Protein backbone atom coordinates (compact mmCIF):
# COMPACT_ATOMS: atom_id res chain seq x y z
CA MET A 1 116.11 118.09 103.20
CA GLN A 2 112.47 118.60 104.22
CA LYS A 3 109.88 119.54 101.64
CA SER A 4 108.89 123.16 102.09
CA GLN A 5 105.32 122.35 103.09
CA GLU A 6 106.64 120.14 105.92
CA LYS A 7 108.84 122.82 107.47
CA PRO A 8 107.73 124.01 110.92
CA SER A 9 105.92 127.36 110.84
CA LEU A 10 107.20 130.28 112.91
CA SER A 11 103.82 132.01 112.94
CA GLY A 12 102.10 131.05 116.16
CA LEU A 13 105.28 130.87 118.23
CA SER A 14 105.50 133.16 121.24
CA GLU A 15 108.35 135.59 121.78
CA LEU A 16 109.90 133.24 124.33
CA GLU A 17 109.67 130.33 121.89
CA LEU A 18 111.30 132.42 119.16
CA ILE A 19 114.10 133.43 121.55
CA LYS A 20 114.71 129.75 122.34
CA LEU A 21 114.66 128.98 118.60
CA ALA A 22 117.29 131.67 118.00
CA GLU A 23 119.45 130.30 120.79
CA GLY A 24 119.10 126.83 119.25
CA LEU A 25 120.63 128.27 116.08
CA ASN A 26 123.49 129.65 118.21
CA TRP A 27 122.22 133.18 117.68
CA PRO A 28 122.04 135.87 120.39
CA SER A 29 118.61 135.98 122.05
CA PHE A 30 117.78 139.44 120.68
CA LYS A 31 117.39 137.88 117.24
CA GLY A 32 114.43 135.92 118.59
CA LYS A 33 112.84 139.25 119.50
CA THR A 34 113.67 140.52 116.02
CA LEU A 35 111.88 137.52 114.51
CA HIS A 36 108.89 138.17 116.76
CA SER A 37 108.69 141.77 115.58
CA TRP A 38 108.89 140.83 111.89
CA ILE A 39 106.17 138.18 112.26
CA TYR A 40 103.69 139.96 114.54
CA LYS A 41 104.31 143.68 114.09
CA LYS A 42 105.50 143.96 110.48
CA TRP A 43 103.55 140.98 109.04
CA ALA A 44 106.52 139.78 106.99
CA ASN A 45 105.61 137.64 104.00
CA SER A 46 109.07 136.12 103.64
CA PHE A 47 112.36 135.76 105.46
CA GLU A 48 113.94 137.82 102.67
CA GLU A 49 112.02 140.86 103.94
CA MET A 50 113.78 140.66 107.33
CA SER A 51 116.40 143.20 106.33
CA ASP A 52 118.07 143.56 109.73
CA LEU A 53 119.02 139.87 109.71
CA SER A 54 122.09 138.90 107.71
CA LYS A 55 121.75 137.05 104.43
CA LYS A 56 123.28 133.99 106.11
CA ASP A 57 120.68 134.15 108.88
CA ARG A 58 117.82 134.52 106.41
CA GLU A 59 119.08 131.54 104.40
CA ALA A 60 119.30 129.44 107.58
CA LEU A 61 115.68 130.27 108.38
CA GLU A 62 114.57 129.57 104.82
CA GLU A 63 116.18 126.16 104.91
CA LYS A 64 114.59 125.00 108.16
CA TYR A 65 111.33 126.91 108.59
CA THR A 66 108.37 128.54 106.87
CA LEU A 67 106.47 131.67 107.90
CA SER A 68 103.08 129.98 107.50
CA SER A 69 101.90 126.41 107.04
CA LEU A 70 98.63 127.67 105.52
CA LEU A 71 98.59 128.36 101.80
CA LEU A 72 95.96 130.58 100.20
CA GLU A 73 93.74 128.34 98.07
CA GLU A 74 91.00 130.83 97.17
CA LYS A 75 89.90 134.36 97.99
CA GLN A 76 86.56 136.06 97.41
CA VAL A 77 85.65 139.71 97.93
CA SER A 78 82.06 140.77 98.65
CA LYS A 79 80.42 143.93 97.38
CA ASP A 80 80.40 145.10 101.04
CA LYS A 81 84.22 144.64 101.32
CA THR A 82 83.95 141.38 103.25
CA ILE A 83 86.74 139.00 102.24
CA LYS A 84 86.48 135.21 102.51
CA TYR A 85 89.68 133.20 102.53
CA LEU A 86 90.14 129.51 101.95
CA TRP A 87 93.42 128.15 103.29
CA LYS A 88 94.92 124.73 102.69
CA SER A 89 97.07 123.19 105.41
CA GLN A 90 100.21 121.19 104.77
CA TYR A 91 98.04 118.09 105.31
CA GLY A 92 95.48 119.14 102.69
CA ASP A 93 92.80 120.31 105.15
CA LEU A 94 90.65 123.26 104.07
CA ILE A 95 90.10 126.10 106.53
CA GLU A 96 87.97 129.22 106.06
CA SER A 97 88.33 132.70 107.55
CA VAL A 98 86.41 135.92 106.94
CA ARG A 99 87.52 139.54 107.29
CA MET A 100 84.77 142.10 107.78
CA PHE A 101 84.86 145.89 107.63
CA LEU A 102 82.80 147.40 110.45
CA GLU A 103 81.72 150.79 109.08
CA GLU A 104 80.20 151.95 112.34
CA HIS A 105 83.54 151.53 114.11
CA ASP A 106 85.85 152.12 111.13
CA SER A 107 87.64 148.90 112.03
CA TYR A 108 88.30 145.38 110.81
CA SER A 109 87.16 142.15 112.41
CA ALA A 110 88.23 138.59 111.54
CA CYS A 111 86.00 135.56 111.93
CA ILE A 112 88.35 132.62 112.36
CA SER A 113 87.98 128.86 112.49
CA SER A 114 89.02 126.62 115.37
CA GLN A 115 88.30 123.25 113.75
CA VAL A 116 88.12 121.66 110.32
CA GLY A 117 84.37 121.07 110.01
CA CYS A 118 82.13 120.81 113.07
CA ALA A 119 80.57 118.00 115.08
CA VAL A 120 77.62 119.95 116.50
CA GLY A 121 75.45 119.68 113.37
CA CYS A 122 73.05 122.61 113.76
CA PRO A 123 70.54 122.32 110.85
CA PHE A 124 70.78 126.01 109.89
CA CYS A 125 74.58 125.96 109.60
CA ALA A 126 76.37 124.75 106.46
CA THR A 127 79.56 123.90 108.36
CA GLY A 128 77.81 120.99 110.06
CA THR A 129 77.38 119.24 106.71
CA ILE A 130 81.16 118.80 106.54
CA GLY A 131 81.18 116.87 109.81
CA PHE A 132 84.07 117.03 112.22
CA LYS A 133 87.49 116.44 110.66
CA LYS A 134 90.07 117.64 113.18
CA ASN A 135 91.04 120.33 115.65
CA LEU A 136 93.27 123.18 114.52
CA SER A 137 96.47 123.91 116.40
CA ALA A 138 97.01 127.28 118.05
CA ASN A 139 99.57 127.97 115.32
CA GLN A 140 96.97 127.38 112.59
CA ILE A 141 94.50 129.64 114.38
CA ILE A 142 97.08 132.44 114.66
CA GLU A 143 98.21 131.93 111.06
CA GLN A 144 94.71 132.80 109.83
CA ILE A 145 94.99 136.17 111.57
CA LEU A 146 98.53 136.90 110.42
CA ASN A 147 97.85 135.80 106.84
CA ILE A 148 94.83 138.12 106.62
CA GLN A 149 96.98 141.04 107.79
CA ARG A 150 99.77 140.05 105.39
CA ASP A 151 97.29 139.99 102.53
CA THR A 152 95.44 143.24 103.25
CA LYS A 153 98.28 145.21 104.88
CA GLU A 154 95.66 146.41 107.36
CA ARG A 155 95.55 145.74 111.08
CA LEU A 156 92.74 143.67 112.55
CA ASN A 157 90.99 145.21 115.55
CA ASN A 158 88.70 142.37 116.66
CA ILE A 159 88.83 138.57 116.55
CA VAL A 160 85.74 136.38 116.73
CA PHE A 161 85.88 132.60 117.08
CA MET A 162 82.76 132.17 114.95
CA GLY A 163 84.21 130.44 111.91
CA GLN A 164 84.11 126.72 111.38
CA GLY A 165 84.02 124.52 114.45
CA GLU A 166 83.02 124.64 118.11
CA PRO A 167 85.86 126.51 119.90
CA LEU A 168 85.19 124.98 123.31
CA LEU A 169 85.60 121.46 121.87
CA ASN A 170 89.16 122.49 121.02
CA TYR A 171 89.64 124.20 124.34
CA ASP A 172 93.38 123.97 125.00
CA GLU A 173 94.48 125.15 121.54
CA VAL A 174 91.89 127.96 121.50
CA ILE A 175 93.04 129.24 124.90
CA LYS A 176 96.68 129.06 123.80
CA ALA A 177 95.70 131.05 120.69
CA VAL A 178 93.86 133.64 122.80
CA TYR A 179 97.01 134.30 124.83
CA LEU A 180 99.02 134.63 121.60
CA ILE A 181 96.45 137.04 120.15
CA LYS A 182 96.68 139.07 123.33
CA ASP A 183 100.43 138.99 123.90
CA SER A 184 101.92 138.71 120.39
CA VAL A 185 99.31 139.93 117.90
CA SER A 186 98.54 142.71 120.43
CA ILE A 187 94.75 142.56 120.23
CA GLY A 188 93.31 142.97 123.72
CA ALA A 189 91.19 140.24 125.32
CA ARG A 190 88.15 142.54 125.38
CA ARG A 191 88.28 142.56 121.57
CA ILE A 192 88.17 138.75 121.37
CA THR A 193 84.86 136.87 121.24
CA ILE A 194 84.50 133.13 121.73
CA SER A 195 81.23 131.72 120.44
CA THR A 196 79.93 128.40 121.73
CA SER A 197 76.89 126.21 121.18
CA GLY A 198 76.83 125.61 124.94
CA ILE A 199 79.54 123.21 126.14
CA VAL A 200 78.71 123.52 129.83
CA PRO A 201 81.91 122.16 131.50
CA GLN A 202 84.13 124.26 129.23
CA ILE A 203 82.11 127.43 129.84
CA LYS A 204 82.85 127.00 133.53
CA LYS A 205 86.48 126.23 132.78
CA LEU A 206 86.74 129.37 130.65
CA ALA A 207 85.28 131.40 133.52
CA GLU A 208 88.13 130.23 135.75
CA GLU A 209 90.69 131.51 133.22
CA LYS A 210 89.52 135.01 134.14
CA LEU A 211 90.29 136.25 130.65
CA GLN A 212 88.40 139.39 129.68
CA VAL A 213 87.07 137.86 126.47
CA THR A 214 83.43 138.10 125.41
CA LEU A 215 81.46 134.87 125.59
CA ALA A 216 78.79 134.49 122.89
CA VAL A 217 76.28 131.66 123.22
CA SER A 218 74.31 130.21 120.31
CA LEU A 219 71.02 129.85 122.16
CA HIS A 220 68.43 130.12 119.33
CA ALA A 221 65.52 128.92 121.47
CA ALA A 222 64.17 129.40 124.98
CA ASP A 223 62.64 125.94 125.34
CA GLN A 224 64.44 122.61 125.46
CA GLU A 225 62.50 120.93 122.65
CA THR A 226 63.11 123.62 120.03
CA ARG A 227 66.71 124.03 121.09
CA GLU A 228 67.37 120.30 120.75
CA PHE A 229 66.31 120.57 117.12
CA LEU A 230 68.32 123.73 116.40
CA VAL A 231 71.38 122.90 118.53
CA PRO A 232 71.57 119.09 118.82
CA ILE A 233 74.33 119.16 121.43
CA SER A 234 71.73 120.54 123.86
CA LYS A 235 70.47 116.97 124.21
CA LYS A 236 73.64 116.45 126.25
CA TYR A 237 73.85 119.89 127.85
CA LYS A 238 70.32 120.70 128.98
CA MET A 239 68.93 124.22 129.23
CA PRO A 240 68.95 124.47 133.08
CA ASP A 241 72.60 123.38 133.17
CA LEU A 242 73.53 125.84 130.41
CA MET A 243 71.83 128.76 132.16
CA GLU A 244 73.52 127.85 135.44
CA ALA A 245 76.89 127.84 133.64
CA LEU A 246 76.20 131.27 132.11
CA HIS A 247 75.37 132.77 135.50
CA PHE A 248 78.54 131.16 136.85
CA TYR A 249 80.54 132.69 133.98
CA TYR A 250 79.22 136.18 134.61
CA ASN A 251 79.71 135.96 138.37
CA LYS A 252 83.34 134.95 137.85
CA THR A 253 84.26 137.39 135.07
CA LYS A 254 81.75 140.25 135.34
CA ARG A 255 81.72 140.23 131.53
CA ARG A 256 78.37 140.73 129.82
CA ILE A 257 77.41 137.68 127.75
CA THR A 258 76.14 137.84 124.18
CA ILE A 259 73.12 135.66 123.42
CA GLU A 260 72.92 134.72 119.74
CA TYR A 261 69.49 133.92 118.30
CA VAL A 262 69.04 133.01 114.63
CA MET A 263 65.60 134.00 113.35
CA LEU A 264 63.80 131.13 111.59
CA ASP A 265 60.36 131.62 110.13
CA GLY A 266 57.66 129.76 112.05
CA ILE A 267 60.13 127.98 114.33
CA ASN A 268 61.46 130.38 116.96
CA ASP A 269 60.18 133.81 115.91
CA GLN A 270 56.70 133.96 117.48
CA VAL A 271 55.83 136.66 120.02
CA GLU A 272 55.33 134.03 122.73
CA LYS A 273 58.88 132.79 122.02
CA ALA A 274 60.17 136.34 122.62
CA ARG A 275 58.40 136.44 125.98
CA ALA A 276 59.78 132.99 126.88
CA LEU A 277 63.29 134.17 125.98
CA ALA A 278 62.88 137.25 128.18
CA ASP A 279 61.79 135.03 131.06
CA LEU A 280 64.73 132.64 130.54
CA LEU A 281 67.27 135.48 130.56
CA LYS A 282 65.88 137.14 133.66
CA GLY A 283 68.71 137.97 136.04
CA LEU A 284 71.48 137.26 133.49
CA HIS A 285 73.69 140.20 132.51
CA CYS A 286 73.56 139.82 128.75
CA HIS A 287 72.55 141.37 125.48
CA VAL A 288 70.72 139.58 122.68
CA ASN A 289 71.86 139.58 119.06
CA LEU A 290 69.12 138.55 116.63
CA ILE A 291 70.58 136.97 113.48
CA PRO A 292 68.55 136.94 110.25
CA TYR A 293 68.92 133.42 108.86
CA ASN A 294 71.36 133.27 105.98
CA PRO A 295 70.42 130.97 103.11
CA THR A 296 72.18 127.62 102.82
CA ASP A 297 71.45 124.44 100.91
CA VAL A 298 70.97 122.47 104.13
CA GLY A 299 68.46 122.15 106.91
CA ASN A 300 64.75 121.46 107.12
CA PHE A 301 62.05 121.45 109.75
CA HIS A 302 59.63 118.52 109.49
CA GLY A 303 60.52 118.20 105.82
CA LYS A 304 60.17 121.90 104.99
CA ALA A 305 63.19 124.02 104.07
CA LEU A 306 64.29 126.53 106.68
CA LYS A 307 63.34 130.11 105.86
CA ARG A 308 64.39 133.49 107.16
CA THR A 309 61.94 135.36 109.34
CA PRO A 310 60.65 138.41 107.41
CA MET A 311 62.25 141.64 108.68
CA PRO A 312 58.98 143.18 109.99
CA LYS A 313 58.52 140.09 112.13
CA ILE A 314 62.12 140.33 113.38
CA TYR A 315 61.52 143.95 114.42
CA LYS A 316 58.32 142.90 116.22
CA PHE A 317 60.21 140.12 118.04
CA LYS A 318 62.92 142.63 118.98
CA ASP A 319 60.37 145.13 120.28
CA VAL A 320 58.58 142.55 122.44
CA LEU A 321 61.86 141.13 123.75
CA GLU A 322 63.25 144.57 124.65
CA LYS A 323 60.11 145.69 126.45
CA THR A 324 59.70 142.40 128.30
CA SER A 325 63.33 141.78 129.24
CA ARG A 326 64.59 145.38 129.44
CA LYS A 327 67.82 144.15 127.88
CA LYS A 328 69.70 145.53 124.90
CA VAL A 329 68.62 143.71 121.73
CA THR A 330 70.36 144.19 118.39
CA ILE A 331 69.85 142.82 114.89
CA ARG A 332 73.05 141.59 113.30
CA HIS A 333 74.10 143.50 110.20
CA GLU A 334 74.58 141.09 107.32
CA ARG A 335 77.99 140.92 105.70
CA GLY A 336 79.33 138.75 102.90
CA VAL A 337 76.04 137.01 102.02
CA ASP A 338 76.78 137.27 98.30
CA ILE A 339 79.96 135.18 98.72
CA ASN A 340 78.54 132.73 101.30
CA ALA A 341 80.67 134.33 104.00
CA ALA A 342 77.89 135.22 106.42
CA CYS A 343 76.94 133.53 109.68
CA GLY A 344 76.21 129.83 109.10
CA GLN A 345 77.39 129.76 105.48
CA LEU A 346 80.98 128.51 105.79
CA ALA A 347 81.23 125.11 104.12
CA ASN A 348 84.27 125.29 101.81
CA LYS A 349 81.77 125.44 98.94
CA PHE A 350 83.70 127.64 96.56
CA VAL A 351 86.28 124.96 95.78
CA ASP A 352 83.67 122.53 94.48
């Protein structure tokens, strides 16, 4: 008999796949739909909870399958209600997810990971220090969402692919997960955000999917030289090619793009940088989200530690950018900083 941690997980299977699984057990197909409902609508924690299946059926499932291959390793709760989860896969990989309460919308959003570690290596992001380990499967991506709902007993309203990893470097599994989020978890595509450091071919490929997701781009600089330091993958995908891909994306999807811009003292926060950003974004249907830099133990600029731009300077940058570009500019509200759950802080640190 298989060890429990090696049993296939049912979370992350579509309704059709669960129907086929039921038929493989010589069950009527409606039991596959019953399984789907218990997993995705009722957030069952165990097969024993599935009260409209017979005891014999539940025992058969228990013997062959598990509801999740991710085990909760650690959980931290912030003073602002943000929750950071550390999951361990059946192979020992560590995966982080964050649930945030959005007071202004009275809703919950989950920041989920698409990879173990990350290969991009942005100096302001702690995840890059882990390096790239492996891609997550669509099942493991979905399990993060379901396990959060199982734990909190509260429905998630928004999903953001802004956890560990570069989603577009795990394109096929991320897209499979998006369809599962849409069709099985029942969170609409317009409530799903995919954040990328700028993988040009995959941005164009995503545009052709014609999914109504929001594309967020970690730009962080308007000039090639600064961006190469902040987002090293831009040495491969140059600024003109990235901007052409973003225009292509909007023209195909008609979905406004989010431009992410982390504010780093003395590096990309000068008034002239705001004007250069406005000029770069001319003609692109987008809004800009300014992100106060969150402290990490990594990253330096010419030997000096990275520092957050003071808030008055961020507001000045915002004012200049808004007036020059005439685009909506927001400042990201910080969540989970006290538990290292904020943007750029995910590095599996709290198991050290």
